[in-house]
N, C-alpha and C. Protein backbone atom coordinates (compact mmCIF):
# COMPACT_ATOMS: atom_id res chain seq x y z
N MET A 1 100.91 58.14 84.04
CA MET A 1 100.87 59.56 84.41
C MET A 1 102.29 60.12 84.44
N LYS A 2 102.51 61.28 83.79
CA LYS A 2 103.83 61.85 83.73
C LYS A 2 104.26 62.36 85.11
N PHE A 3 105.59 62.35 85.32
CA PHE A 3 106.10 62.73 86.63
C PHE A 3 105.84 64.21 86.93
N GLY A 4 105.76 65.05 85.88
CA GLY A 4 105.42 66.45 86.11
C GLY A 4 104.05 66.61 86.72
N THR A 5 103.11 65.81 86.26
CA THR A 5 101.75 65.82 86.82
C THR A 5 101.76 65.32 88.25
N LEU A 6 102.51 64.24 88.48
CA LEU A 6 102.61 63.70 89.85
C LEU A 6 103.19 64.75 90.79
N PHE A 7 104.20 65.47 90.32
CA PHE A 7 104.83 66.49 91.14
C PHE A 7 103.82 67.56 91.52
N ARG A 8 103.02 68.00 90.55
CA ARG A 8 102.03 69.05 90.83
C ARG A 8 100.96 68.56 91.80
N ILE A 9 100.58 67.28 91.68
CA ILE A 9 99.54 66.75 92.56
C ILE A 9 100.06 66.60 93.99
N TYR A 10 101.21 65.92 94.14
CA TYR A 10 101.73 65.60 95.47
C TYR A 10 102.39 66.80 96.15
N PHE A 11 103.06 67.63 95.36
CA PHE A 11 103.87 68.70 95.94
C PHE A 11 103.09 70.00 96.09
N LEU A 12 102.08 70.21 95.22
CA LEU A 12 101.37 71.48 95.23
C LEU A 12 99.89 71.35 95.60
N LEU A 13 99.16 70.52 94.86
CA LEU A 13 97.71 70.49 95.00
C LEU A 13 97.26 69.99 96.37
N ILE A 14 97.72 68.80 96.76
CA ILE A 14 97.27 68.22 98.04
C ILE A 14 97.69 69.07 99.23
N PRO A 15 98.96 69.51 99.33
CA PRO A 15 99.32 70.38 100.47
C PRO A 15 98.53 71.68 100.50
N LEU A 16 98.31 72.27 99.32
CA LEU A 16 97.56 73.53 99.27
C LEU A 16 96.13 73.34 99.75
N LEU A 17 95.51 72.24 99.32
CA LEU A 17 94.14 71.96 99.75
C LEU A 17 94.07 71.76 101.27
N LEU A 18 95.05 71.04 101.82
CA LEU A 18 95.07 70.81 103.26
C LEU A 18 95.24 72.13 104.01
N TRP A 19 96.12 72.97 103.53
CA TRP A 19 96.39 74.25 104.19
C TRP A 19 95.16 75.15 104.17
N VAL A 20 94.44 75.15 103.04
CA VAL A 20 93.33 76.07 102.87
C VAL A 20 92.02 75.51 103.45
N VAL A 21 91.81 74.20 103.31
CA VAL A 21 90.51 73.62 103.66
C VAL A 21 90.42 73.20 105.13
N ALA A 22 91.49 72.62 105.68
CA ALA A 22 91.45 72.08 107.05
C ALA A 22 91.00 73.11 108.09
N PRO A 23 91.45 74.37 108.03
CA PRO A 23 91.02 75.34 109.05
C PRO A 23 89.52 75.59 109.09
N LEU A 24 88.82 75.24 108.01
CA LEU A 24 87.38 75.48 107.97
C LEU A 24 86.60 74.46 108.78
N PHE A 25 87.15 73.25 108.93
CA PHE A 25 86.37 72.15 109.52
C PHE A 25 86.84 71.70 110.90
N LEU A 26 88.09 71.98 111.24
CA LEU A 26 88.63 71.47 112.50
C LEU A 26 88.66 72.56 113.57
N PRO A 27 88.56 72.17 114.84
CA PRO A 27 88.59 73.16 115.93
C PRO A 27 89.99 73.74 116.10
N ALA A 28 90.05 74.89 116.77
CA ALA A 28 91.31 75.60 116.93
C ALA A 28 92.37 74.78 117.65
N SER A 29 91.93 73.92 118.57
CA SER A 29 92.88 73.13 119.35
C SER A 29 93.76 72.25 118.48
N TRP A 30 93.26 71.87 117.29
CA TRP A 30 94.04 71.03 116.38
C TRP A 30 95.22 71.78 115.78
N PHE A 31 95.13 73.10 115.74
CA PHE A 31 96.16 73.89 115.06
C PHE A 31 97.17 74.51 116.02
N LEU A 32 96.94 74.31 117.30
CA LEU A 32 97.93 74.74 118.29
C LEU A 32 99.06 73.72 118.34
N ILE A 33 100.27 74.18 118.61
CA ILE A 33 101.39 73.26 118.79
C ILE A 33 101.25 72.65 120.17
N SER A 34 101.04 71.35 120.24
CA SER A 34 100.75 70.71 121.52
C SER A 34 101.98 70.70 122.43
N GLU A 35 101.71 70.64 123.74
CA GLU A 35 102.80 70.56 124.71
C GLU A 35 103.65 69.31 124.49
N GLY A 36 102.98 68.22 124.10
CA GLY A 36 103.72 66.99 123.84
C GLY A 36 104.69 67.13 122.69
N GLU A 37 104.26 67.77 121.62
CA GLU A 37 105.15 67.97 120.47
C GLU A 37 106.31 68.89 120.82
N LEU A 38 106.02 69.95 121.55
CA LEU A 38 107.08 70.86 121.97
C LEU A 38 108.10 70.15 122.85
N LEU A 39 107.62 69.33 123.79
CA LEU A 39 108.51 68.61 124.70
C LEU A 39 109.36 67.59 123.94
N ASN A 40 108.73 66.84 123.03
CA ASN A 40 109.47 65.83 122.26
C ASN A 40 110.55 66.48 121.40
N ASN A 41 110.20 67.58 120.77
CA ASN A 41 111.18 68.25 119.90
C ASN A 41 112.30 68.88 120.72
N SER A 42 111.97 69.38 121.90
CA SER A 42 113.00 69.94 122.77
C SER A 42 113.98 68.86 123.21
N GLN A 43 113.46 67.68 123.52
CA GLN A 43 114.33 66.56 123.88
C GLN A 43 115.17 66.10 122.70
N LEU A 44 114.61 66.21 121.50
CA LEU A 44 115.31 65.75 120.30
C LEU A 44 116.48 66.64 119.94
N VAL A 45 116.26 67.95 119.92
CA VAL A 45 117.30 68.87 119.43
C VAL A 45 118.04 69.57 120.57
N GLY A 46 117.54 69.44 121.80
CA GLY A 46 118.15 70.13 122.92
C GLY A 46 117.39 71.42 123.24
N GLU A 47 117.35 71.79 124.50
CA GLU A 47 116.56 72.94 124.92
C GLU A 47 117.05 74.24 124.29
N GLY A 48 118.37 74.41 124.24
CA GLY A 48 118.92 75.65 123.67
C GLY A 48 118.56 75.80 122.20
N ARG A 49 118.76 74.74 121.44
CA ARG A 49 118.45 74.76 120.01
C ARG A 49 116.95 74.92 119.79
N HIS A 50 116.16 74.28 120.61
CA HIS A 50 114.71 74.38 120.46
C HIS A 50 114.21 75.79 120.75
N GLU A 51 114.81 76.45 121.71
CA GLU A 51 114.44 77.83 122.00
C GLU A 51 114.77 78.73 120.81
N GLN A 52 115.89 78.47 120.15
CA GLN A 52 116.24 79.23 118.94
C GLN A 52 115.21 78.99 117.83
N ILE A 53 114.74 77.75 117.71
CA ILE A 53 113.72 77.42 116.71
C ILE A 53 112.44 78.19 116.99
N LEU A 54 112.02 78.24 118.25
CA LEU A 54 110.82 78.97 118.63
C LEU A 54 110.97 80.46 118.33
N GLN A 55 112.11 81.02 118.66
CA GLN A 55 112.34 82.44 118.42
C GLN A 55 112.35 82.75 116.93
N ALA A 56 112.98 81.87 116.14
CA ALA A 56 113.02 82.07 114.69
C ALA A 56 111.62 81.98 114.08
N SER A 57 110.83 81.04 114.57
CA SER A 57 109.46 80.88 114.07
C SER A 57 108.64 82.13 114.36
N HIS A 58 108.76 82.62 115.59
CA HIS A 58 108.01 83.81 115.99
C HIS A 58 108.45 85.03 115.17
N ALA A 59 109.75 85.18 114.99
CA ALA A 59 110.28 86.33 114.25
C ALA A 59 109.81 86.30 112.79
N LYS A 60 109.83 85.12 112.17
CA LYS A 60 109.42 85.03 110.77
C LYS A 60 107.92 85.24 110.61
N PHE A 61 107.13 84.73 111.55
CA PHE A 61 105.68 84.94 111.47
C PHE A 61 105.37 86.43 111.57
N ASN A 62 106.04 87.12 112.49
CA ASN A 62 105.83 88.56 112.62
C ASN A 62 106.26 89.30 111.36
N ALA A 63 107.42 88.91 110.83
CA ALA A 63 107.95 89.60 109.65
C ALA A 63 107.09 89.38 108.42
N TYR A 64 106.58 88.17 108.25
CA TYR A 64 105.80 87.84 107.06
C TYR A 64 104.35 88.31 107.13
N PHE A 65 103.75 88.27 108.32
CA PHE A 65 102.30 88.44 108.39
C PHE A 65 101.80 89.49 109.39
N VAL A 66 102.58 89.79 110.43
CA VAL A 66 102.09 90.70 111.47
C VAL A 66 102.53 92.14 111.21
N ASP A 67 103.83 92.32 111.00
CA ASP A 67 104.36 93.67 110.85
C ASP A 67 103.77 94.41 109.65
N ASN A 68 103.41 93.70 108.60
CA ASN A 68 102.83 94.34 107.42
C ASN A 68 101.31 94.50 107.52
N GLY A 69 100.73 94.05 108.63
CA GLY A 69 99.32 94.28 108.88
C GLY A 69 98.37 93.25 108.30
N ILE A 70 98.88 92.17 107.69
CA ILE A 70 98.01 91.18 107.06
C ILE A 70 97.11 90.50 108.09
N VAL A 71 97.70 90.09 109.21
CA VAL A 71 96.91 89.40 110.23
C VAL A 71 95.81 90.32 110.77
N LYS A 72 96.18 91.57 111.06
CA LYS A 72 95.20 92.52 111.60
C LYS A 72 94.06 92.76 110.61
N LYS A 73 94.38 92.92 109.34
CA LYS A 73 93.36 93.19 108.34
C LYS A 73 92.38 92.02 108.21
N THR A 74 92.93 90.80 108.21
CA THR A 74 92.05 89.64 108.07
C THR A 74 91.19 89.45 109.32
N LEU A 75 91.75 89.74 110.49
CA LEU A 75 90.96 89.62 111.72
C LEU A 75 89.89 90.70 111.80
N ASP A 76 90.22 91.90 111.32
CA ASP A 76 89.24 92.99 111.32
C ASP A 76 88.05 92.65 110.41
N MET A 77 88.31 91.88 109.34
CA MET A 77 87.24 91.51 108.42
C MET A 77 86.20 90.61 109.08
N THR A 78 86.59 89.97 110.16
CA THR A 78 85.70 88.99 110.79
C THR A 78 84.92 89.57 111.97
N LYS A 79 85.07 90.85 112.24
CA LYS A 79 84.35 91.45 113.36
C LYS A 79 82.85 91.43 113.09
N LYS A 80 82.07 91.09 114.11
CA LYS A 80 80.64 90.88 113.94
C LYS A 80 79.89 92.21 113.86
N ARG A 81 79.29 92.42 112.69
CA ARG A 81 78.43 93.59 112.49
C ARG A 81 77.24 93.18 111.63
N GLY A 82 76.13 93.91 111.76
CA GLY A 82 75.00 93.67 110.88
C GLY A 82 73.98 92.72 111.45
N ASP A 83 73.16 92.12 110.54
CA ASP A 83 72.06 91.26 110.97
C ASP A 83 72.57 89.88 111.38
N SER A 84 71.61 89.03 111.76
CA SER A 84 71.98 87.71 112.30
C SER A 84 72.67 86.84 111.25
N ASN A 85 72.23 86.92 109.99
CA ASN A 85 72.86 86.12 108.93
C ASN A 85 74.30 86.55 108.72
N ALA A 86 74.50 87.86 108.72
CA ALA A 86 75.87 88.38 108.56
C ALA A 86 76.72 87.99 109.75
N THR A 87 76.11 88.00 110.94
CA THR A 87 76.85 87.63 112.15
C THR A 87 77.27 86.17 112.10
N MET A 88 76.40 85.30 111.63
CA MET A 88 76.74 83.88 111.51
C MET A 88 77.88 83.67 110.53
N ALA A 89 77.81 84.37 109.41
CA ALA A 89 78.87 84.27 108.40
C ALA A 89 80.19 84.77 108.97
N LYS A 90 80.11 85.87 109.71
CA LYS A 90 81.32 86.42 110.33
C LYS A 90 81.90 85.45 111.35
N THR A 91 81.04 84.75 112.09
CA THR A 91 81.51 83.77 113.07
C THR A 91 82.29 82.65 112.39
N ILE A 92 81.73 82.14 111.30
CA ILE A 92 82.41 81.07 110.55
C ILE A 92 83.72 81.59 109.99
N LEU A 93 83.67 82.81 109.43
CA LEU A 93 84.89 83.39 108.86
C LEU A 93 85.93 83.64 109.94
N SER A 94 85.48 84.09 111.11
CA SER A 94 86.41 84.35 112.22
C SER A 94 87.12 83.07 112.64
N LYS A 95 86.34 81.98 112.76
CA LYS A 95 86.94 80.69 113.10
C LYS A 95 87.97 80.27 112.06
N TYR A 96 87.61 80.44 110.80
CA TYR A 96 88.51 80.04 109.71
C TYR A 96 89.80 80.84 109.74
N VAL A 97 89.69 82.15 109.85
CA VAL A 97 90.88 83.01 109.83
C VAL A 97 91.78 82.71 111.02
N ASN A 98 91.18 82.54 112.19
CA ASN A 98 91.95 82.23 113.39
C ASN A 98 92.70 80.90 113.23
N ASN A 99 91.99 79.89 112.75
CA ASN A 99 92.62 78.58 112.54
C ASN A 99 93.71 78.65 111.48
N PHE A 100 93.46 79.42 110.43
CA PHE A 100 94.44 79.54 109.34
C PHE A 100 95.76 80.12 109.84
N TRP A 101 95.69 81.16 110.67
CA TRP A 101 96.92 81.76 111.17
C TRP A 101 97.60 80.88 112.21
N LEU A 102 96.82 80.16 113.01
CA LEU A 102 97.42 79.19 113.94
C LEU A 102 98.17 78.11 113.17
N GLN A 103 97.54 77.62 112.10
CA GLN A 103 98.19 76.59 111.29
C GLN A 103 99.43 77.13 110.60
N THR A 104 99.35 78.36 110.11
CA THR A 104 100.51 78.96 109.43
C THR A 104 101.69 79.09 110.38
N TYR A 105 101.41 79.48 111.62
CA TYR A 105 102.50 79.57 112.60
C TYR A 105 103.08 78.19 112.87
N LYS A 106 102.21 77.19 112.99
CA LYS A 106 102.70 75.83 113.23
C LYS A 106 103.57 75.34 112.07
N VAL A 107 103.18 75.67 110.84
CA VAL A 107 103.97 75.29 109.67
C VAL A 107 105.35 75.92 109.72
N LEU A 108 105.41 77.20 110.05
CA LEU A 108 106.71 77.88 110.16
C LEU A 108 107.58 77.25 111.24
N TYR A 109 106.96 76.90 112.37
CA TYR A 109 107.70 76.25 113.45
C TYR A 109 108.28 74.92 112.98
N ARG A 110 107.47 74.12 112.31
CA ARG A 110 107.94 72.80 111.86
C ARG A 110 108.99 72.91 110.76
N ILE A 111 108.87 73.92 109.92
CA ILE A 111 109.90 74.13 108.89
C ILE A 111 111.22 74.48 109.55
N GLU A 112 111.19 75.32 110.57
CA GLU A 112 112.41 75.65 111.30
C GLU A 112 112.99 74.40 111.95
N LEU A 113 112.12 73.53 112.43
CA LEU A 113 112.58 72.28 113.05
C LEU A 113 113.24 71.37 112.02
N VAL A 114 112.67 71.32 110.81
CA VAL A 114 113.21 70.46 109.75
C VAL A 114 114.64 70.85 109.40
N LYS A 115 114.97 72.12 109.55
CA LYS A 115 116.32 72.57 109.22
C LYS A 115 117.38 71.83 110.06
N PHE A 116 116.95 71.32 111.21
CA PHE A 116 117.88 70.54 112.05
C PHE A 116 118.38 69.31 111.31
N TRP A 117 117.58 68.80 110.35
CA TRP A 117 117.93 67.58 109.63
C TRP A 117 118.63 67.83 108.29
N TYR A 118 118.76 69.09 107.88
CA TYR A 118 119.21 69.40 106.52
C TYR A 118 120.53 68.73 106.15
N VAL A 119 121.56 68.95 106.98
CA VAL A 119 122.90 68.47 106.63
C VAL A 119 122.92 66.94 106.51
N GLY A 120 122.38 66.26 107.52
CA GLY A 120 122.35 64.81 107.47
C GLY A 120 121.49 64.30 106.33
N PHE A 121 120.34 64.97 106.10
CA PHE A 121 119.44 64.55 105.03
C PHE A 121 120.12 64.66 103.67
N LEU A 122 120.73 65.80 103.38
CA LEU A 122 121.37 66.00 102.09
C LEU A 122 122.55 65.07 101.89
N THR A 123 123.30 64.80 102.96
CA THR A 123 124.44 63.90 102.86
C THR A 123 124.00 62.49 102.47
N VAL A 124 122.99 61.97 103.18
CA VAL A 124 122.49 60.62 102.89
C VAL A 124 121.81 60.58 101.53
N LEU A 125 121.07 61.63 101.18
CA LEU A 125 120.36 61.67 99.90
C LEU A 125 121.34 61.63 98.73
N ILE A 126 122.38 62.44 98.79
CA ILE A 126 123.38 62.46 97.71
C ILE A 126 124.08 61.11 97.60
N ALA A 127 124.42 60.54 98.76
CA ALA A 127 125.09 59.23 98.75
C ALA A 127 124.19 58.16 98.14
N ALA A 128 122.89 58.19 98.49
CA ALA A 128 121.95 57.21 97.95
C ALA A 128 121.79 57.37 96.45
N PHE A 129 121.71 58.60 95.98
CA PHE A 129 121.56 58.85 94.55
C PHE A 129 122.80 58.38 93.77
N ILE A 130 123.98 58.71 94.28
CA ILE A 130 125.22 58.32 93.60
C ILE A 130 125.35 56.80 93.56
N ASP A 131 125.06 56.14 94.68
CA ASP A 131 125.15 54.69 94.72
C ASP A 131 124.18 54.05 93.73
N GLY A 132 122.96 54.59 93.67
CA GLY A 132 121.98 54.06 92.73
C GLY A 132 122.42 54.23 91.29
N MET A 133 123.00 55.39 90.96
CA MET A 133 123.46 55.62 89.59
C MET A 133 124.66 54.75 89.24
N VAL A 134 125.50 54.48 90.23
CA VAL A 134 126.64 53.59 89.99
C VAL A 134 126.16 52.18 89.66
N ILE A 135 125.16 51.70 90.42
CA ILE A 135 124.60 50.38 90.15
C ILE A 135 123.97 50.34 88.77
N ARG A 136 123.27 51.40 88.39
CA ARG A 136 122.66 51.46 87.05
C ARG A 136 123.73 51.42 85.97
N LYS A 137 124.81 52.16 86.19
CA LYS A 137 125.90 52.17 85.20
C LYS A 137 126.53 50.80 85.07
N LYS A 138 126.69 50.09 86.17
CA LYS A 138 127.22 48.73 86.12
C LYS A 138 126.30 47.82 85.32
N LYS A 139 124.99 47.99 85.49
CA LYS A 139 124.04 47.20 84.71
C LYS A 139 124.18 47.48 83.23
N THR A 140 124.42 48.75 82.89
CA THR A 140 124.58 49.13 81.49
C THR A 140 125.80 48.46 80.88
N TYR A 141 126.91 48.48 81.61
CA TYR A 141 128.13 47.84 81.12
C TYR A 141 127.97 46.33 81.00
N ALA A 142 127.15 45.77 81.87
CA ALA A 142 126.94 44.32 81.84
C ALA A 142 125.82 43.92 80.88
N ALA A 143 125.33 44.90 80.09
CA ALA A 143 124.25 44.67 79.14
C ALA A 143 122.97 44.23 79.84
N ASP A 144 122.85 44.62 81.11
CA ASP A 144 121.63 44.34 81.86
C ASP A 144 120.72 45.55 81.75
N ILE A 145 119.43 45.35 81.65
CA ILE A 145 118.49 46.44 81.44
C ILE A 145 117.82 46.79 82.77
N ALA A 146 117.79 48.09 83.05
CA ALA A 146 117.08 48.54 84.25
C ALA A 146 115.60 48.20 84.13
N ASN A 147 115.02 47.83 85.23
CA ASN A 147 113.63 47.37 85.24
C ASN A 147 112.67 48.56 85.08
N PRO A 148 111.97 48.66 83.93
CA PRO A 148 111.06 49.80 83.75
C PRO A 148 109.87 49.78 84.70
N LEU A 149 109.38 48.57 85.04
CA LEU A 149 108.27 48.48 85.97
C LEU A 149 108.68 48.97 87.35
N ALA A 150 109.88 48.57 87.78
CA ALA A 150 110.38 49.02 89.08
C ALA A 150 110.56 50.53 89.08
N PHE A 151 111.06 51.06 87.97
CA PHE A 151 111.25 52.51 87.87
C PHE A 151 109.91 53.23 87.98
N HIS A 152 108.89 52.68 87.32
CA HIS A 152 107.57 53.28 87.35
C HIS A 152 106.98 53.25 88.78
N ILE A 153 107.09 52.10 89.42
CA ILE A 153 106.53 51.95 90.77
C ILE A 153 107.27 52.83 91.77
N PHE A 154 108.61 52.74 91.73
CA PHE A 154 109.39 53.54 92.68
C PHE A 154 109.26 55.04 92.38
N GLY A 155 109.08 55.37 91.09
CA GLY A 155 108.89 56.78 90.74
C GLY A 155 107.62 57.35 91.36
N HIS A 156 106.52 56.58 91.27
CA HIS A 156 105.28 57.02 91.90
C HIS A 156 105.45 57.13 93.41
N ALA A 157 106.09 56.13 94.00
CA ALA A 157 106.31 56.16 95.45
C ALA A 157 107.20 57.33 95.85
N PHE A 158 108.18 57.63 95.01
CA PHE A 158 109.11 58.74 95.25
C PHE A 158 108.35 60.05 95.38
N PHE A 159 107.46 60.31 94.42
CA PHE A 159 106.70 61.56 94.45
C PHE A 159 105.66 61.56 95.56
N ALA A 160 105.13 60.38 95.89
CA ALA A 160 104.20 60.29 97.01
C ALA A 160 104.89 60.67 98.31
N VAL A 161 106.14 60.21 98.48
CA VAL A 161 106.89 60.53 99.69
C VAL A 161 107.27 62.01 99.71
N ILE A 162 107.59 62.59 98.53
CA ILE A 162 107.83 64.03 98.47
C ILE A 162 106.60 64.77 98.98
N GLY A 163 105.43 64.33 98.48
CA GLY A 163 104.19 64.94 98.97
C GLY A 163 104.03 64.77 100.46
N GLY A 164 104.41 63.58 100.96
CA GLY A 164 104.32 63.33 102.40
C GLY A 164 105.23 64.25 103.19
N LEU A 165 106.43 64.48 102.68
CA LEU A 165 107.36 65.38 103.36
C LEU A 165 106.83 66.81 103.39
N VAL A 166 106.18 67.21 102.30
CA VAL A 166 105.59 68.55 102.27
C VAL A 166 104.38 68.62 103.20
N LEU A 167 103.64 67.52 103.28
CA LEU A 167 102.44 67.50 104.12
C LEU A 167 102.75 67.49 105.61
N LEU A 168 103.88 66.93 106.00
CA LEU A 168 104.18 66.79 107.42
C LEU A 168 104.03 68.10 108.20
N PRO A 169 104.61 69.20 107.72
CA PRO A 169 104.44 70.44 108.49
C PRO A 169 103.00 70.94 108.55
N LEU A 170 102.17 70.48 107.59
CA LEU A 170 100.79 70.97 107.50
C LEU A 170 99.80 70.14 108.30
N LEU A 171 100.20 68.98 108.77
CA LEU A 171 99.27 68.10 109.47
C LEU A 171 98.78 68.78 110.75
N PRO A 172 97.47 68.79 110.98
CA PRO A 172 96.92 69.52 112.13
C PRO A 172 97.08 68.82 113.47
N PHE A 173 97.53 67.57 113.46
CA PHE A 173 97.68 66.86 114.73
C PHE A 173 99.15 66.77 115.12
N THR A 174 99.40 66.31 116.33
CA THR A 174 100.77 66.22 116.85
C THR A 174 101.59 65.22 116.05
N ILE A 175 102.82 65.60 115.72
CA ILE A 175 103.71 64.74 114.96
C ILE A 175 104.80 64.23 115.89
N SER A 176 105.03 62.93 115.86
CA SER A 176 106.12 62.35 116.64
C SER A 176 107.46 62.85 116.12
N ASN A 177 108.42 63.03 117.05
CA ASN A 177 109.74 63.47 116.58
C ASN A 177 110.46 62.40 115.76
N LEU A 178 109.92 61.17 115.76
CA LEU A 178 110.50 60.12 114.92
C LEU A 178 110.04 60.23 113.47
N ALA A 179 109.01 61.05 113.21
CA ALA A 179 108.46 61.15 111.86
C ALA A 179 109.50 61.70 110.90
N TRP A 180 110.29 62.66 111.35
CA TRP A 180 111.26 63.30 110.45
C TRP A 180 112.37 62.35 110.02
N PRO A 181 113.07 61.67 110.95
CA PRO A 181 114.11 60.74 110.49
C PRO A 181 113.56 59.57 109.70
N ILE A 182 112.36 59.08 110.04
CA ILE A 182 111.77 57.96 109.29
C ILE A 182 111.45 58.41 107.87
N ALA A 183 110.84 59.58 107.73
CA ALA A 183 110.51 60.10 106.41
C ALA A 183 111.78 60.33 105.58
N THR A 184 112.83 60.81 106.23
CA THR A 184 114.10 61.02 105.55
C THR A 184 114.68 59.71 105.04
N ALA A 185 114.64 58.68 105.89
CA ALA A 185 115.19 57.37 105.51
C ALA A 185 114.42 56.77 104.33
N VAL A 186 113.09 56.86 104.38
CA VAL A 186 112.26 56.32 103.30
C VAL A 186 112.52 57.07 101.99
N PHE A 187 112.62 58.39 102.08
CA PHE A 187 112.86 59.19 100.88
C PHE A 187 114.21 58.86 100.26
N CYS A 188 115.23 58.71 101.08
CA CYS A 188 116.57 58.38 100.57
C CYS A 188 116.58 56.98 99.95
N LEU A 189 115.87 56.04 100.56
CA LEU A 189 115.78 54.68 100.01
C LEU A 189 115.09 54.69 98.65
N LEU A 190 114.02 55.45 98.51
CA LEU A 190 113.33 55.53 97.23
C LEU A 190 114.17 56.26 96.19
N THR A 191 114.93 57.26 96.61
CA THR A 191 115.85 57.94 95.68
C THR A 191 116.86 56.95 95.12
N TRP A 192 117.39 56.11 95.99
CA TRP A 192 118.33 55.08 95.56
C TRP A 192 117.67 54.12 94.56
N ALA A 193 116.44 53.68 94.86
CA ALA A 193 115.74 52.74 93.99
C ALA A 193 115.42 53.36 92.63
N VAL A 194 115.00 54.63 92.62
CA VAL A 194 114.70 55.30 91.36
C VAL A 194 115.97 55.48 90.54
N ALA A 195 117.06 55.90 91.17
CA ALA A 195 118.33 56.07 90.45
C ALA A 195 118.83 54.75 89.88
N LYS A 196 118.67 53.68 90.65
CA LYS A 196 119.15 52.36 90.21
C LYS A 196 118.38 51.86 88.98
N ASN A 197 117.12 52.21 88.87
CA ASN A 197 116.28 51.74 87.78
C ASN A 197 115.90 52.85 86.81
N PHE A 198 116.68 53.92 86.80
CA PHE A 198 116.33 55.10 86.01
C PHE A 198 116.19 54.76 84.52
N GLN A 199 115.11 55.31 83.90
CA GLN A 199 114.85 55.12 82.49
C GLN A 199 114.89 56.48 81.79
N THR A 200 115.58 56.53 80.66
CA THR A 200 115.70 57.80 79.92
C THR A 200 114.58 57.98 78.91
N GLY A 201 113.86 56.90 78.59
CA GLY A 201 112.80 56.98 77.61
C GLY A 201 113.28 56.84 76.18
N ARG A 202 114.58 56.50 76.00
CA ARG A 202 115.12 56.30 74.66
C ARG A 202 115.21 54.82 74.33
């Protein structure tokens, strides 16, 4: 399977399905940011920084969806009117819309939280990529061939982890504050492995 296809599956299709489908089947409590997650993240980044994250999340949600009337319009669509069948459909739709916006707010909050890791993540990622390419270049000079099987396996794992990183903000349950550094470490390790065994196809 080509890496472009893997990218579309892991980075676009699966996260989009989770974002759109999960609110239909799970109760609203799953899409609220739990007190435990808020407390853990506050301890991780500090109370002052965490308060800034909350304020930024709220401001962006309002700017993207509230101030332009999108949230109000979608909620108005779910108001119960008409016969019993229409009322039942409206109830299901109301649950879905409510859950969808709760999840969207949670995603924005978690994305703001991820920004706390940007500098360290990019620093380690670039270092891992450069080190992997240096090892590959040494193999080339030594007439050693990069392992195509390893490249294939690590390439699939690489895109799977990318998908996992995209999925993390979308997960409807509480995420441990250790999930972000662990995911970062795994992604950087796979980047190093892919770079070390990189194949050009020539």
